Structure formats: C-alpha cells, structure tokens
C-alpha cells in the first residue's frame, strides 16, 4: 500500500505560480511511476505529468510543457509539481498517483495507477 497526501493548491491569478506537493508513505517508491493528473468539473481525469521515481525520467502533456515541472525528493519521499504561468484552463482538482507500471503500459492512462491522493483544488482566475 502507498498513501499519498497532496497539498499546495489554492487560488491564483492568471500568470501566477503554485507548487503542489505529494507526500508518499507506506512503501519504498523505487519501483513506482508517480504522476500528476487533473480533473475539471464535468470532464474526465486527464494526464498532466509523470516521473519514474528511480530514474527521474519524465513526461508532460503538451498543454503544460514549458510551464510545469515535475520533480521528486527521494529523501523526503515527496513528489512536486511546480506550476508557472498558470492559465484559467489549468483550473481543476489535481491528484497525485502512484503505480507499478511496466514499460509496455500507457503511463498517461490514469487506469494504470493503483494509488491516489485525495486531490487538491487549483483555481486560476482571469
């Protein structure tokens, strides 16, 4: 079992920044892929970014490339999402997720992640 707790959401004006954190506990994360997903009202949960815990290799959805940065602190077992130049369309509940993903599965598909946090609201005003 992996427990995930997000923090850092809030209300920010367009163009501003926020940093989300996800504290993980319960298991060593070296074999896991960690991801950030988001869900806006009335929409499906969508992929934002992912990172392989052991190597640090990452992937972003096109709409956040150059604005968001995913990172992890292996000593603190904490995942981060630095979000800059925020736009109103970034407004959503952001979730952190963990999964033991083999290379053949789609790392952008939320169904492949077994563990989820409770989510944190990010609201970007125009």
C-alpha atoms as a PDB file:
ATOM      1  CA  UNK A   1       0.000   0.000   0.000  1.00  0.00           C
ATOM      2  CA  UNK A   2       1.071   3.525  -0.770  1.00  0.00           C
ATOM      3  CA  UNK A   3      -0.551   6.503   0.921  1.00  0.00           C
ATOM      4  CA  UNK A   4      -0.472   9.835  -0.886  1.00  0.00           C
ATOM      5  CA  UNK A   5      -1.350  13.243   0.514  1.00  0.00           C
ATOM      6  CA  UNK A   6      -1.376  16.326  -1.711  1.00  0.00           C
ATOM      7  CA  UNK A   7      -1.012  19.909  -0.605  1.00  0.00           C
ATOM      8  CA  UNK A   8      -0.287  23.316  -2.076  1.00  0.00           C
ATOM      9  CA  UNK A   9      -3.397  24.080  -4.073  1.00  0.00           C
ATOM     10  CA  UNK A  10      -5.171  27.409  -3.922  1.00  0.00           C
ATOM     11  CA  UNK A  11      -6.450  30.434  -5.781  1.00  0.00           C
ATOM     12  CA  UNK A  12      -4.046  32.339  -8.008  1.00  0.00           C
ATOM     13  CA  UNK A  13      -4.337  34.920 -10.746  1.00  0.00           C
ATOM     14  CA  UNK A  14      -3.521  34.073 -14.326  1.00  0.00           C
ATOM     15  CA  UNK A  15       0.219  34.252 -14.878  1.00  0.00           C
ATOM     16  CA  UNK A  16       0.966  33.272 -11.309  1.00  0.00           C
ATOM     17  CA  UNK A  17       2.627  30.194  -9.838  1.00  0.00           C
ATOM     18  CA  UNK A  18       1.859  27.416  -7.405  1.00  0.00           C
ATOM     19  CA  UNK A  19       3.805  24.412  -6.201  1.00  0.00           C
ATOM     20  CA  UNK A  20       1.950  21.228  -5.384  1.00  0.00           C
ATOM     21  CA  UNK A  21       3.418  18.609  -3.085  1.00  0.00           C
ATOM     22  CA  UNK A  22       2.532  14.959  -2.644  1.00  0.00           C
ATOM     23  CA  UNK A  23       3.857  13.190   0.430  1.00  0.00           C
ATOM     24  CA  UNK A  24       4.110   9.438  -0.022  1.00  0.00           C
ATOM     25  CA  UNK A  25       4.332   6.768   2.646  1.00  0.00           C
ATOM     26  CA  UNK A  26       3.885   3.064   3.081  1.00  0.00           C
ATOM     27  CA  UNK A  27       6.317   1.535   0.623  1.00  0.00           C
ATOM     28  CA  UNK A  28       9.600   2.234  -0.991  1.00  0.00           C
ATOM     29  CA  UNK A  29       8.921   4.081  -4.212  1.00  0.00           C
ATOM     30  CA  UNK A  30      11.898   2.964  -6.259  1.00  0.00           C
ATOM     31  CA  UNK A  31       9.784   0.637  -8.396  1.00  0.00           C
ATOM     32  CA  UNK A  32       6.993   3.137  -8.926  1.00  0.00           C
ATOM     33  CA  UNK A  33       5.991   5.684 -11.503  1.00  0.00           C
ATOM     34  CA  UNK A  34       4.444   8.786  -9.994  1.00  0.00           C
ATOM     35  CA  UNK A  35       2.094  11.074 -11.813  1.00  0.00           C
ATOM     36  CA  UNK A  36       0.023  14.205 -11.597  1.00  0.00           C
ATOM     37  CA  UNK A  37      -3.448  14.203 -13.075  1.00  0.00           C
ATOM     38  CA  UNK A  38      -6.203  16.786 -13.009  1.00  0.00           C
ATOM     39  CA  UNK A  39      -9.947  16.840 -13.317  1.00  0.00           C
ATOM     40  CA  UNK A  40     -12.054  19.854 -14.143  1.00  0.00           C
ATOM     41  CA  UNK A  41     -15.807  19.914 -13.450  1.00  0.00           C
ATOM     42  CA  UNK A  42     -17.687  17.802 -15.963  1.00  0.00           C
ATOM     43  CA  UNK A  43     -14.530  16.469 -17.560  1.00  0.00           C
ATOM     44  CA  UNK A  44     -12.566  13.254 -17.407  1.00  0.00           C
ATOM     45  CA  UNK A  45      -9.437  12.982 -15.343  1.00  0.00           C
ATOM     46  CA  UNK A  46      -6.516  13.903 -17.560  1.00  0.00           C
ATOM     47  CA  UNK A  47      -2.799  13.295 -17.510  1.00  0.00           C
ATOM     48  CA  UNK A  48      -0.531  16.211 -16.611  1.00  0.00           C
ATOM     49  CA  UNK A  49       2.947  14.822 -15.948  1.00  0.00           C
ATOM     50  CA  UNK A  50       4.709  11.706 -14.801  1.00  0.00           C
ATOM     51  CA  UNK A  51       8.107  10.754 -13.438  1.00  0.00           C
ATOM     52  CA  UNK A  52       9.794   7.447 -12.858  1.00  0.00           C
ATOM     53  CA  UNK A  53      10.918   7.524  -9.239  1.00  0.00           C
ATOM     54  CA  UNK A  54      14.183   5.670  -9.701  1.00  0.00           C
ATOM     55  CA  UNK A  55      15.496   7.379 -12.844  1.00  0.00           C
ATOM     56  CA  UNK A  56      13.761  10.738 -12.757  1.00  0.00           C
ATOM     57  CA  UNK A  57      12.733  10.461 -16.395  1.00  0.00           C
ATOM     58  CA  UNK A  58       9.592  12.454 -17.026  1.00  0.00           C
ATOM     59  CA  UNK A  59       6.844  13.183 -19.482  1.00  0.00           C
ATOM     60  CA  UNK A  60       4.379  16.063 -19.825  1.00  0.00           C
ATOM     61  CA  UNK A  61       1.163  16.661 -21.622  1.00  0.00           C
ATOM     62  CA  UNK A  62       1.611  19.212 -24.400  1.00  0.00           C
ATOM     63  CA  UNK A  63      -0.515  21.898 -22.785  1.00  0.00           C
ATOM     64  CA  UNK A  64       1.810  22.253 -19.785  1.00  0.00           C
ATOM     65  CA  UNK A  65       5.208  21.820 -21.415  1.00  0.00           C
ATOM     66  CA  UNK A  66       7.466  24.739 -20.616  1.00  0.00           C
ATOM     67  CA  UNK A  67       5.218  25.876 -17.761  1.00  0.00           C
ATOM     68  CA  UNK A  68       5.049  22.934 -15.341  1.00  0.00           C
ATOM     69  CA  UNK A  69       7.906  20.938 -13.847  1.00  0.00           C
ATOM     70  CA  UNK A  70       7.550  17.599 -12.106  1.00  0.00           C
ATOM     71  CA  UNK A  71      10.230  16.577  -9.642  1.00  0.00           C
ATOM     72  CA  UNK A  72      10.796  14.375  -6.624  1.00  0.00           C
ATOM     73  CA  UNK A  73      12.804  14.421  -3.442  1.00  0.00           C
ATOM     74  CA  UNK A  74      13.773  10.823  -2.801  1.00  0.00           C
ATOM     75  CA  UNK A  75      14.989  11.551   0.727  1.00  0.00           C
ATOM     76  CA  UNK A  76      11.643  13.076   1.687  1.00  0.00           C
ATOM     77  CA  UNK A  77       9.505  10.687  -0.382  1.00  0.00           C
ATOM     78  CA  UNK A  78       7.781  13.705  -1.823  1.00  0.00           C
ATOM     79  CA  UNK A  79       6.605  14.479  -5.332  1.00  0.00           C
ATOM     80  CA  UNK A  80       6.276  18.045  -6.587  1.00  0.00           C
ATOM     81  CA  UNK A  81       4.610  19.905  -9.408  1.00  0.00           C
ATOM     82  CA  UNK A  82       5.862  23.431  -9.960  1.00  0.00           C
ATOM     83  CA  UNK A  83       3.278  25.290 -11.995  1.00  0.00           C
ATOM     84  CA  UNK A  84       4.211  28.599 -13.605  1.00  0.00           C
ATOM     85  CA  UNK A  85       2.414  30.952 -15.990  1.00  0.00           C
ATOM     86  CA  UNK A  86      -0.883  29.486 -14.852  1.00  0.00           C
ATOM     87  CA  UNK A  87      -3.908  29.890 -17.080  1.00  0.00           C
ATOM     88  CA  UNK A  88      -7.641  29.759 -16.257  1.00  0.00           C
ATOM     89  CA  UNK A  89      -7.847  26.483 -18.183  1.00  0.00           C
ATOM     90  CA  UNK A  90      -5.493  24.937 -15.624  1.00  0.00           C
ATOM     91  CA  UNK A  91      -8.276  25.180 -13.060  1.00  0.00           C
ATOM     92  CA  UNK A  92      -9.017  21.691 -11.744  1.00  0.00           C
ATOM     93  CA  UNK A  93      -8.603  19.317  -8.858  1.00  0.00           C
ATOM     94  CA  UNK A  94      -5.074  17.971  -9.061  1.00  0.00           C
ATOM     95  CA  UNK A  95      -4.334  14.417  -7.991  1.00  0.00           C
ATOM     96  CA  UNK A  96      -1.090  12.646  -7.389  1.00  0.00           C
ATOM     97  CA  UNK A  97      -0.921   8.966  -8.254  1.00  0.00           C
ATOM     98  CA  UNK A  98       1.472   6.056  -7.979  1.00  0.00           C
ATOM     99  CA  UNK A  99       1.674   2.863  -9.935  1.00  0.00           C
ATOM    100  CA  UNK A 100       3.992  -0.013 -10.545  1.00  0.00           C
ATOM    101  CA  UNK A 101       3.997   0.404 -14.308  1.00  0.00           C
ATOM    102  CA  UNK A 102       5.827  -1.860 -16.678  1.00  0.00           C
ATOM    103  CA  UNK A 103       7.272  -0.252 -19.831  1.00  0.00           C
ATOM    104  CA  UNK A 104       4.536  -1.651 -22.077  1.00  0.00           C
ATOM    105  CA  UNK A 105       1.620   0.150 -20.426  1.00  0.00           C
ATOM    106  CA  UNK A 106       0.403   3.643 -21.167  1.00  0.00           C
ATOM    107  CA  UNK A 107       1.801   5.883 -18.420  1.00  0.00           C
ATOM    108  CA  UNK A 108      -0.667   8.615 -19.342  1.00  0.00           C
ATOM    109  CA  UNK A 109      -3.707   6.414 -18.632  1.00  0.00           C
ATOM    110  CA  UNK A 110      -4.988   7.004 -15.089  1.00  0.00           C
ATOM    111  CA  UNK A 111      -6.407   3.473 -15.001  1.00  0.00           C
ATOM    112  CA  UNK A 112      -2.863   2.133 -14.744  1.00  0.00           C
ATOM    113  CA  UNK A 113      -2.213   3.854 -11.417  1.00  0.00           C
ATOM    114  CA  UNK A 114      -3.213   1.917  -8.312  1.00  0.00           C
ATOM    115  CA  UNK A 115      -2.816   4.582  -5.641  1.00  0.00           C
ATOM    116  CA  UNK A 116      -4.303   8.056  -5.483  1.00  0.00           C
ATOM    117  CA  UNK A 117      -4.307  11.025  -3.192  1.00  0.00           C
ATOM    118  CA  UNK A 118      -7.424  12.918  -2.204  1.00  0.00           C
ATOM    119  CA  UNK A 119      -6.764  15.805  -4.578  1.00  0.00           C
ATOM    120  CA  UNK A 120      -6.086  19.490  -4.124  1.00  0.00           C
ATOM    121  CA  UNK A 121      -8.026  22.309  -5.780  1.00  0.00           C
ATOM    122  CA  UNK A 122      -6.227  24.730  -8.070  1.00  0.00           C
ATOM    123  CA  UNK A 123      -8.224  27.735  -9.234  1.00  0.00           C
ATOM    124  CA  UNK A 124      -6.778  30.244 -11.678  1.00  0.00           C
ATOM    125  CA  UNK A 125      -8.687  33.491 -12.072  1.00  0.00           C
ATOM    126  CA  UNK A 126      -8.541  35.584 -15.227  1.00  0.00           C
END
